[in-house]
Amino acid sequence: MKRVSFFPVIALAISCGSNASGPSSASNAQIAGVWQGTLTTTSVTGGECLGPFLQQAVGRSGPTTMTFTQNGSSVSATLTTSSGSLNYAGSVAQNVVTMSGSTCSGCDMTPTQCPDSNALRDVRIQTFAMNGTVAGNSLTATGSAMYNVFVAGTSSQVGTLMASNSFSLTRQ
């Protein structure tokens, strides 16, 4: 059985909702730079034969680093974990950061053996997003990622995996 670290896959998941209020003339948070902290898996659903195994990640935490670049309200970022990195692009409005995934390295799991059988699956990321709130040197966020599950080596989809995370970062 091929053992794969599912934390980065689960870590891909990043989606929060915040309602910013206040005058429209308020300035945007300046988030450029390196932020470090902890990412925690909050939920995993679906995943076909891999689902029960992946659900064991719920509640687990690990270190993460997020590096932001910013030009006015436009932001991009790279989230780095021990086994992969995700690139995001989006915006910051006052203290709210909203970003969608653009590329991911180390996110697909191919092939992966189902824990209770000899069946092999390819798990491929489809979408991921993160949204958060900045308060001074702290950023709290949640996120989500959606993966398609295929019979290994084919285009025959057998399931979908949804993962959600929360994380807390501090500016370095």
Foldseek 3Di string as FASTA:
>chain_A
DDDDPCVVLLQLFWADDDDDDDDQPAAWDDDAAKKKWKKAWAAKDKPDLCRVVSRVRHGDMDIKMKGWDDDGFKIKIWIDDPFKIWIWIFGTRRFKTKIWTDDIGRNKDAWDARPPDRFTKIKAWDIKIHMWGDDPFKIKTKGKTKIFIARHPDPHTDMMMMIMMIIMIGGD
